[in-house]
């Protein structure tokens, strides 16, 4: 499978979320060799969309000449678009949001009703594309944290994607947390194998992955400095 990873973390390879993503991709590679390309969005020149809609009227050419032209081509050539990013203000980091604002050239001004809502008619064929989001955050749980970004992800990709939201993700960069992070990374590898083999992940496995690794109050105490990480 041709996979395009959009790494939305400004920390690039040092991203906590990328550690999660790499485990998932390792599982996919165990199922079958994958063709993986990673784009660190922070390194790309992506101007803000000006909302002129020229691209939606002229067949898909943006008036801004920057790295987005190449990135759009990469998206259209891929089979899986994997978004990897940390939660920023209950949403995606600004560089990644700017990238998706600039995907307007894939759509036209024409609208069509799909189910209960209207969508822009596409100017390109991306019907073969699948979508997956891996998002980590520093809070102790997934409740009342990831809902805005998972809703955005679902609306952007018509409910056709798979989302993995992982709380307590800074622990993946803490060597002393290995006794709890290593089993979680193993679950992510298992999820990657499932996704590569079946195109979906078992709901029970998703529930395990998105649950806290240690009790919420203990994690919060460690973050707040009131509990030692090595009791």
C-alpha atoms as a PDB file:
ATOM      1  CA  UNK A   1       0.000   0.000   0.000  1.00  0.00           C
ATOM      2  CA  UNK A   2       1.234   3.493  -0.815  1.00  0.00           C
ATOM      3  CA  UNK A   3       1.042   5.446   2.446  1.00  0.00           C
ATOM      4  CA  UNK A   4       1.520   9.192   2.872  1.00  0.00           C
ATOM      5  CA  UNK A   5       2.179  10.182   6.485  1.00  0.00           C
ATOM      6  CA  UNK A   6       1.500  13.828   7.278  1.00  0.00           C
ATOM      7  CA  UNK A   7       3.420  14.479  10.484  1.00  0.00           C
ATOM      8  CA  UNK A   8       1.765  17.559  11.944  1.00  0.00           C
ATOM      9  CA  UNK A   9       4.004  17.836  15.006  1.00  0.00           C
ATOM     10  CA  UNK A  10       6.470  20.753  15.078  1.00  0.00           C
ATOM     11  CA  UNK A  11       8.801  18.347  16.942  1.00  0.00           C
ATOM     12  CA  UNK A  12       9.053  16.171  13.821  1.00  0.00           C
ATOM     13  CA  UNK A  13      10.796  12.859  14.642  1.00  0.00           C
ATOM     14  CA  UNK A  14      10.872  13.708  18.353  1.00  0.00           C
ATOM     15  CA  UNK A  15       7.090  13.841  18.449  1.00  0.00           C
ATOM     16  CA  UNK A  16       5.439  11.652  21.089  1.00  0.00           C
ATOM     17  CA  UNK A  17       2.659  10.927  18.608  1.00  0.00           C
ATOM     18  CA  UNK A  18       5.138   9.820  15.928  1.00  0.00           C
ATOM     19  CA  UNK A  19       6.387   7.139  18.323  1.00  0.00           C
ATOM     20  CA  UNK A  20       2.812   5.833  18.365  1.00  0.00           C
ATOM     21  CA  UNK A  21       2.543   6.136  14.583  1.00  0.00           C
ATOM     22  CA  UNK A  22       5.811   4.306  13.960  1.00  0.00           C
ATOM     23  CA  UNK A  23       4.576   1.351  16.037  1.00  0.00           C
ATOM     24  CA  UNK A  24       1.379   1.257  13.978  1.00  0.00           C
ATOM     25  CA  UNK A  25       3.320   1.369  10.703  1.00  0.00           C
ATOM     26  CA  UNK A  26       5.661  -1.350  11.947  1.00  0.00           C
ATOM     27  CA  UNK A  27       2.609  -3.556  12.414  1.00  0.00           C
ATOM     28  CA  UNK A  28       1.435  -2.773   8.887  1.00  0.00           C
ATOM     29  CA  UNK A  29       4.857  -3.700   7.517  1.00  0.00           C
ATOM     30  CA  UNK A  30       4.735  -7.000   9.417  1.00  0.00           C
ATOM     31  CA  UNK A  31       1.525  -7.863   7.565  1.00  0.00           C
ATOM     32  CA  UNK A  32       2.926  -6.858   4.160  1.00  0.00           C
ATOM     33  CA  UNK A  33       5.630  -4.510   2.862  1.00  0.00           C
ATOM     34  CA  UNK A  34       4.299  -0.960   2.641  1.00  0.00           C
ATOM     35  CA  UNK A  35       5.509   2.002   0.587  1.00  0.00           C
ATOM     36  CA  UNK A  36       5.688   4.810   3.131  1.00  0.00           C
ATOM     37  CA  UNK A  37       6.486   8.489   2.576  1.00  0.00           C
ATOM     38  CA  UNK A  38       6.532  10.935   5.472  1.00  0.00           C
ATOM     39  CA  UNK A  39       6.103  14.683   5.197  1.00  0.00           C
ATOM     40  CA  UNK A  40       7.067  16.814   8.204  1.00  0.00           C
ATOM     41  CA  UNK A  41       4.575  19.593   7.613  1.00  0.00           C
ATOM     42  CA  UNK A  42       6.512  22.160   9.665  1.00  0.00           C
ATOM     43  CA  UNK A  43       9.365  21.984   7.116  1.00  0.00           C
ATOM     44  CA  UNK A  44       7.141  22.836   4.144  1.00  0.00           C
ATOM     45  CA  UNK A  45       6.332  26.263   2.775  1.00  0.00           C
ATOM     46  CA  UNK A  46       2.546  26.416   2.957  1.00  0.00           C
ATOM     47  CA  UNK A  47       0.946  29.822   2.703  1.00  0.00           C
ATOM     48  CA  UNK A  48      -2.423  30.480   4.288  1.00  0.00           C
ATOM     49  CA  UNK A  49      -5.465  30.056   2.043  1.00  0.00           C
ATOM     50  CA  UNK A  50      -6.812  33.485   1.063  1.00  0.00           C
ATOM     51  CA  UNK A  51     -10.319  32.235   0.272  1.00  0.00           C
ATOM     52  CA  UNK A  52     -10.274  33.600  -3.283  1.00  0.00           C
ATOM     53  CA  UNK A  53     -11.754  30.305  -4.615  1.00  0.00           C
ATOM     54  CA  UNK A  54      -9.833  30.669  -7.885  1.00  0.00           C
ATOM     55  CA  UNK A  55      -8.725  27.043  -7.630  1.00  0.00           C
ATOM     56  CA  UNK A  56     -12.328  25.867  -7.352  1.00  0.00           C
ATOM     57  CA  UNK A  57     -13.264  27.655 -10.580  1.00  0.00           C
ATOM     58  CA  UNK A  58     -10.227  27.074 -12.804  1.00  0.00           C
ATOM     59  CA  UNK A  59      -9.802  23.322 -12.590  1.00  0.00           C
ATOM     60  CA  UNK A  60      -7.723  23.123  -9.448  1.00  0.00           C
ATOM     61  CA  UNK A  61      -4.732  25.471  -9.780  1.00  0.00           C
ATOM     62  CA  UNK A  62      -4.015  27.590  -6.718  1.00  0.00           C
ATOM     63  CA  UNK A  63      -2.771  31.162  -7.179  1.00  0.00           C
ATOM     64  CA  UNK A  64      -0.169  30.538  -4.470  1.00  0.00           C
ATOM     65  CA  UNK A  65       3.002  28.876  -5.739  1.00  0.00           C
ATOM     66  CA  UNK A  66       4.484  26.954  -2.834  1.00  0.00           C
ATOM     67  CA  UNK A  67       4.963  23.382  -1.615  1.00  0.00           C
ATOM     68  CA  UNK A  68       1.234  22.604  -1.621  1.00  0.00           C
ATOM     69  CA  UNK A  69       1.260  21.852  -5.342  1.00  0.00           C
ATOM     70  CA  UNK A  70       3.642  18.956  -4.783  1.00  0.00           C
ATOM     71  CA  UNK A  71       1.808  17.827  -1.640  1.00  0.00           C
ATOM     72  CA  UNK A  72      -1.537  17.686  -3.457  1.00  0.00           C
ATOM     73  CA  UNK A  73       0.089  15.469  -6.056  1.00  0.00           C
ATOM     74  CA  UNK A  74       1.425  13.197  -3.318  1.00  0.00           C
ATOM     75  CA  UNK A  75      -2.034  12.958  -1.765  1.00  0.00           C
ATOM     76  CA  UNK A  76      -3.644  11.976  -5.063  1.00  0.00           C
ATOM     77  CA  UNK A  77      -1.018   9.285  -5.705  1.00  0.00           C
ATOM     78  CA  UNK A  78      -1.467   7.687  -2.274  1.00  0.00           C
ATOM     79  CA  UNK A  79      -3.760   4.921  -1.105  1.00  0.00           C
ATOM     80  CA  UNK A  80      -3.693   5.758   2.594  1.00  0.00           C
ATOM     81  CA  UNK A  81      -3.469   9.260   4.027  1.00  0.00           C
ATOM     82  CA  UNK A  82      -2.240   8.963   7.623  1.00  0.00           C
ATOM     83  CA  UNK A  83      -2.481  12.066   9.792  1.00  0.00           C
ATOM     84  CA  UNK A  84      -0.155  11.956  12.806  1.00  0.00           C
ATOM     85  CA  UNK A  85      -0.272  14.908  15.193  1.00  0.00           C
ATOM     86  CA  UNK A  86      -0.538  15.986  18.828  1.00  0.00           C
ATOM     87  CA  UNK A  87      -3.683  17.652  20.092  1.00  0.00           C
ATOM     88  CA  UNK A  88      -3.314  21.445  20.091  1.00  0.00           C
ATOM     89  CA  UNK A  89      -6.148  23.440  21.649  1.00  0.00           C
ATOM     90  CA  UNK A  90      -8.519  20.487  21.043  1.00  0.00           C
ATOM     91  CA  UNK A  91      -7.634  20.428  17.331  1.00  0.00           C
ATOM     92  CA  UNK A  92      -4.728  19.861  14.941  1.00  0.00           C
ATOM     93  CA  UNK A  93      -1.567  22.025  15.023  1.00  0.00           C
ATOM     94  CA  UNK A  94      -1.699  25.181  12.897  1.00  0.00           C
ATOM     95  CA  UNK A  95       0.740  24.027  10.142  1.00  0.00           C
ATOM     96  CA  UNK A  96      -1.376  20.920   9.480  1.00  0.00           C
ATOM     97  CA  UNK A  97      -4.591  22.946   9.550  1.00  0.00           C
ATOM     98  CA  UNK A  98      -3.056  25.333   6.988  1.00  0.00           C
ATOM     99  CA  UNK A  99      -2.271  22.334   4.784  1.00  0.00           C
ATOM    100  CA  UNK A 100      -5.848  21.098   4.825  1.00  0.00           C
ATOM    101  CA  UNK A 101      -7.207  24.588   4.215  1.00  0.00           C
ATOM    102  CA  UNK A 102      -5.163  24.495   1.019  1.00  0.00           C
ATOM    103  CA  UNK A 103      -6.781  21.279  -0.265  1.00  0.00           C
ATOM    104  CA  UNK A 104      -9.543  23.390  -1.834  1.00  0.00           C
ATOM    105  CA  UNK A 105      -8.102  22.721  -5.324  1.00  0.00           C
ATOM    106  CA  UNK A 106      -9.413  19.161  -4.986  1.00  0.00           C
ATOM    107  CA  UNK A 107     -12.992  20.516  -4.918  1.00  0.00           C
ATOM    108  CA  UNK A 108     -15.172  22.612  -7.200  1.00  0.00           C
ATOM    109  CA  UNK A 109     -17.704  25.316  -6.340  1.00  0.00           C
ATOM    110  CA  UNK A 110     -20.541  22.945  -7.308  1.00  0.00           C
ATOM    111  CA  UNK A 111     -22.354  21.252  -4.435  1.00  0.00           C
ATOM    112  CA  UNK A 112     -24.238  18.011  -4.073  1.00  0.00           C
ATOM    113  CA  UNK A 113     -26.340  16.589  -1.270  1.00  0.00           C
ATOM    114  CA  UNK A 114     -24.855  13.503   0.377  1.00  0.00           C
ATOM    115  CA  UNK A 115     -27.030  12.099   3.117  1.00  0.00           C
ATOM    116  CA  UNK A 116     -28.113  14.966   5.348  1.00  0.00           C
ATOM    117  CA  UNK A 117     -25.520  17.525   4.255  1.00  0.00           C
ATOM    118  CA  UNK A 118     -24.107  19.235   1.184  1.00  0.00           C
ATOM    119  CA  UNK A 119     -20.556  18.665  -0.062  1.00  0.00           C
ATOM    120  CA  UNK A 120     -18.460  20.215  -2.808  1.00  0.00           C
ATOM    121  CA  UNK A 121     -18.119  18.109  -5.945  1.00  0.00           C
ATOM    122  CA  UNK A 122     -14.539  16.932  -6.392  1.00  0.00           C
ATOM    123  CA  UNK A 123     -12.257  18.098  -9.198  1.00  0.00           C
ATOM    124  CA  UNK A 124      -9.981  15.085  -8.788  1.00  0.00           C
ATOM    125  CA  UNK A 125     -10.464  11.370  -8.303  1.00  0.00           C
ATOM    126  CA  UNK A 126      -9.406  10.363  -4.810  1.00  0.00           C
ATOM    127  CA  UNK A 127     -11.935   7.542  -4.452  1.00  0.00           C
ATOM    128  CA  UNK A 128      -9.195   4.995  -3.733  1.00  0.00           C
ATOM    129  CA  UNK A 129      -7.876   7.000  -0.775  1.00  0.00           C
ATOM    130  CA  UNK A 130      -8.346   5.728   2.772  1.00  0.00           C
ATOM    131  CA  UNK A 131      -7.887   7.924   5.824  1.00  0.00           C
ATOM    132  CA  UNK A 132      -6.429   7.313   9.251  1.00  0.00           C
ATOM    133  CA  UNK A 133      -5.786   9.708  12.131  1.00  0.00           C
ATOM    134  CA  UNK A 134      -3.424   9.067  15.035  1.00  0.00           C
ATOM    135  CA  UNK A 135      -3.588  11.811  17.647  1.00  0.00           C
ATOM    136  CA  UNK A 136      -1.921  11.912  21.037  1.00  0.00           C
ATOM    137  CA  UNK A 137      -2.450  14.291  23.927  1.00  0.00           C
ATOM    138  CA  UNK A 138      -0.972  15.010  27.340  1.00  0.00           C
ATOM    139  CA  UNK A 139      -4.218  14.723  29.255  1.00  0.00           C
ATOM    140  CA  UNK A 140      -4.966  11.604  31.335  1.00  0.00           C
ATOM    141  CA  UNK A 141      -7.973  10.459  29.325  1.00  0.00           C
ATOM    142  CA  UNK A 142      -9.760  10.705  25.995  1.00  0.00           C
ATOM    143  CA  UNK A 143     -13.041  12.087  27.318  1.00  0.00           C
ATOM    144  CA  UNK A 144     -13.859  15.734  26.593  1.00  0.00           C
ATOM    145  CA  UNK A 145     -10.517  16.227  24.827  1.00  0.00           C
ATOM    146  CA  UNK A 146     -10.499  14.594  21.390  1.00  0.00           C
ATOM    147  CA  UNK A 147     -14.161  15.108  20.423  1.00  0.00           C
ATOM    148  CA  UNK A 148     -13.636  18.314  18.359  1.00  0.00           C
ATOM    149  CA  UNK A 149     -10.787  16.920  16.264  1.00  0.00           C
ATOM    150  CA  UNK A 150     -12.429  13.524  15.724  1.00  0.00           C
ATOM    151  CA  UNK A 151     -15.603  15.311  14.560  1.00  0.00           C
ATOM    152  CA  UNK A 152     -13.548  17.431  12.157  1.00  0.00           C
ATOM    153  CA  UNK A 153     -11.743  14.344  10.860  1.00  0.00           C
ATOM    154  CA  UNK A 154     -15.049  12.552  10.291  1.00  0.00           C
ATOM    155  CA  UNK A 155     -16.565  15.523   8.437  1.00  0.00           C
ATOM    156  CA  UNK A 156     -13.461  16.099   6.315  1.00  0.00           C
ATOM    157  CA  UNK A 157     -13.407  12.509   5.106  1.00  0.00           C
ATOM    158  CA  UNK A 158     -17.124  11.737   5.061  1.00  0.00           C
ATOM    159  CA  UNK A 159     -17.003   9.379   8.026  1.00  0.00           C
ATOM    160  CA  UNK A 160     -14.827   6.975   6.045  1.00  0.00           C
ATOM    161  CA  UNK A 161     -11.690   7.173   8.198  1.00  0.00           C
ATOM    162  CA  UNK A 162     -10.329   5.457  11.295  1.00  0.00           C
ATOM    163  CA  UNK A 163      -9.244   7.506  14.313  1.00  0.00           C
ATOM    164  CA  UNK A 164      -6.925   6.440  17.120  1.00  0.00           C
ATOM    165  CA  UNK A 165      -6.744   8.903  20.008  1.00  0.00           C
ATOM    166  CA  UNK A 166      -4.102   8.184  22.632  1.00  0.00           C
ATOM    167  CA  UNK A 167      -4.032   9.954  26.019  1.00  0.00           C
ATOM    168  CA  UNK A 168      -0.963  10.254  28.262  1.00  0.00           C
ATOM    169  CA  UNK A 169       1.211  10.299  25.124  1.00  0.00           C
ATOM    170  CA  UNK A 170       4.210  12.132  26.693  1.00  0.00           C
ATOM    171  CA  UNK A 171       4.917   8.848  28.502  1.00  0.00           C
ATOM    172  CA  UNK A 172       6.134   7.377  25.200  1.00  0.00           C
ATOM    173  CA  UNK A 173       9.179   9.670  25.439  1.00  0.00           C
ATOM    174  CA  UNK A 174       9.930   8.760  29.064  1.00  0.00           C
ATOM    175  CA  UNK A 175      12.292   5.740  29.318  1.00  0.00           C
ATOM    176  CA  UNK A 176      11.165   5.056  32.897  1.00  0.00           C
ATOM    177  CA  UNK A 177       7.620   4.533  31.615  1.00  0.00           C
ATOM    178  CA  UNK A 178       8.623   1.602  29.389  1.00  0.00           C
ATOM    179  CA  UNK A 179       6.873  -1.009  31.586  1.00  0.00           C
ATOM    180  CA  UNK A 180       3.521   0.529  30.584  1.00  0.00           C
ATOM    181  CA  UNK A 181       4.333   2.075  27.202  1.00  0.00           C
ATOM    182  CA  UNK A 182       5.908  -1.053  25.678  1.00  0.00           C
ATOM    183  CA  UNK A 183       2.683  -3.098  26.001  1.00  0.00           C
ATOM    184  CA  UNK A 184       0.718  -0.195  24.501  1.00  0.00           C
ATOM    185  CA  UNK A 185       3.095   0.038  21.546  1.00  0.00           C
ATOM    186  CA  UNK A 186       2.629  -3.709  21.057  1.00  0.00           C
ATOM    187  CA  UNK A 187      -1.126  -3.116  20.851  1.00  0.00           C
ATOM    188  CA  UNK A 188      -0.511  -0.426  18.228  1.00  0.00           C
ATOM    189  CA  UNK A 189       1.580  -2.862  16.189  1.00  0.00           C
ATOM    190  CA  UNK A 190      -1.284  -5.333  16.426  1.00  0.00           C
ATOM    191  CA  UNK A 191      -3.681  -2.629  15.228  1.00  0.00           C
ATOM    192  CA  UNK A 192      -1.383  -1.896  12.286  1.00  0.00           C
ATOM    193  CA  UNK A 193      -1.357  -5.562  11.290  1.00  0.00           C
ATOM    194  CA  UNK A 194      -5.153  -5.710  11.520  1.00  0.00           C
ATOM    195  CA  UNK A 195      -5.538  -2.580   9.420  1.00  0.00           C
ATOM    196  CA  UNK A 196      -3.147  -3.831   6.737  1.00  0.00           C
ATOM    197  CA  UNK A 197      -4.888  -7.206   6.558  1.00  0.00           C
ATOM    198  CA  UNK A 198      -8.547  -6.219   6.915  1.00  0.00           C
ATOM    199  CA  UNK A 199      -8.807  -2.459   6.364  1.00  0.00           C
ATOM    200  CA  UNK A 200     -10.202  -1.934   9.841  1.00  0.00           C
ATOM    201  CA  UNK A 201      -9.329  -2.321  13.517  1.00  0.00           C
ATOM    202  CA  UNK A 202     -11.313  -4.337  16.023  1.00  0.00           C
ATOM    203  CA  UNK A 203     -13.416  -2.085  18.280  1.00  0.00           C
ATOM    204  CA  UNK A 204     -12.151  -3.782  21.434  1.00  0.00           C
ATOM    205  CA  UNK A 205      -8.558  -3.186  20.376  1.00  0.00           C
ATOM    206  CA  UNK A 206      -9.300   0.490  19.690  1.00  0.00           C
ATOM    207  CA  UNK A 207     -10.843   0.758  23.164  1.00  0.00           C
ATOM    208  CA  UNK A 208      -7.659  -0.683  24.705  1.00  0.00           C
ATOM    209  CA  UNK A 209      -5.401   1.660  22.750  1.00  0.00           C
ATOM    210  CA  UNK A 210      -7.395   4.767  23.611  1.00  0.00           C
ATOM    211  CA  UNK A 211      -7.634   3.998  27.338  1.00  0.00           C
ATOM    212  CA  UNK A 212      -5.250   5.461  29.940  1.00  0.00           C
ATOM    213  CA  UNK A 213      -2.038   3.467  30.486  1.00  0.00           C
ATOM    214  CA  UNK A 214      -1.940   4.291  34.192  1.00  0.00           C
ATOM    215  CA  UNK A 215      -4.733   5.571  36.483  1.00  0.00           C
ATOM    216  CA  UNK A 216      -5.695   9.124  35.616  1.00  0.00           C
ATOM    217  CA  UNK A 217      -5.036  10.558  39.065  1.00  0.00           C
ATOM    218  CA  UNK A 218      -1.552   9.017  39.227  1.00  0.00           C
ATOM    219  CA  UNK A 219      -0.651  10.390  35.787  1.00  0.00           C
ATOM    220  CA  UNK A 220      -1.943  13.856  36.740  1.00  0.00           C
ATOM    221  CA  UNK A 221       0.063  13.663  39.971  1.00  0.00           C
ATOM    222  CA  UNK A 222       3.259  12.840  38.057  1.00  0.00           C
ATOM    223  CA  UNK A 223       2.670  15.717  35.645  1.00  0.00           C
ATOM    224  CA  UNK A 224       1.975  18.075  38.541  1.00  0.00           C
ATOM    225  CA  UNK A 225       5.100  16.899  40.374  1.00  0.00           C
ATOM    226  CA  UNK A 226       3.232  15.568  43.385  1.00  0.00           C
ATOM    227  CA  UNK A 227       3.911  11.882  42.622  1.00  0.00           C
ATOM    228  CA  UNK A 228       7.267  10.282  41.823  1.00  0.00           C
ATOM    229  CA  UNK A 229       7.367   8.420  38.470  1.00  0.00           C
ATOM    230  CA  UNK A 230       9.265   5.643  40.294  1.00  0.00           C
ATOM    231  CA  UNK A 231       7.224   4.967  43.455  1.00  0.00           C
END
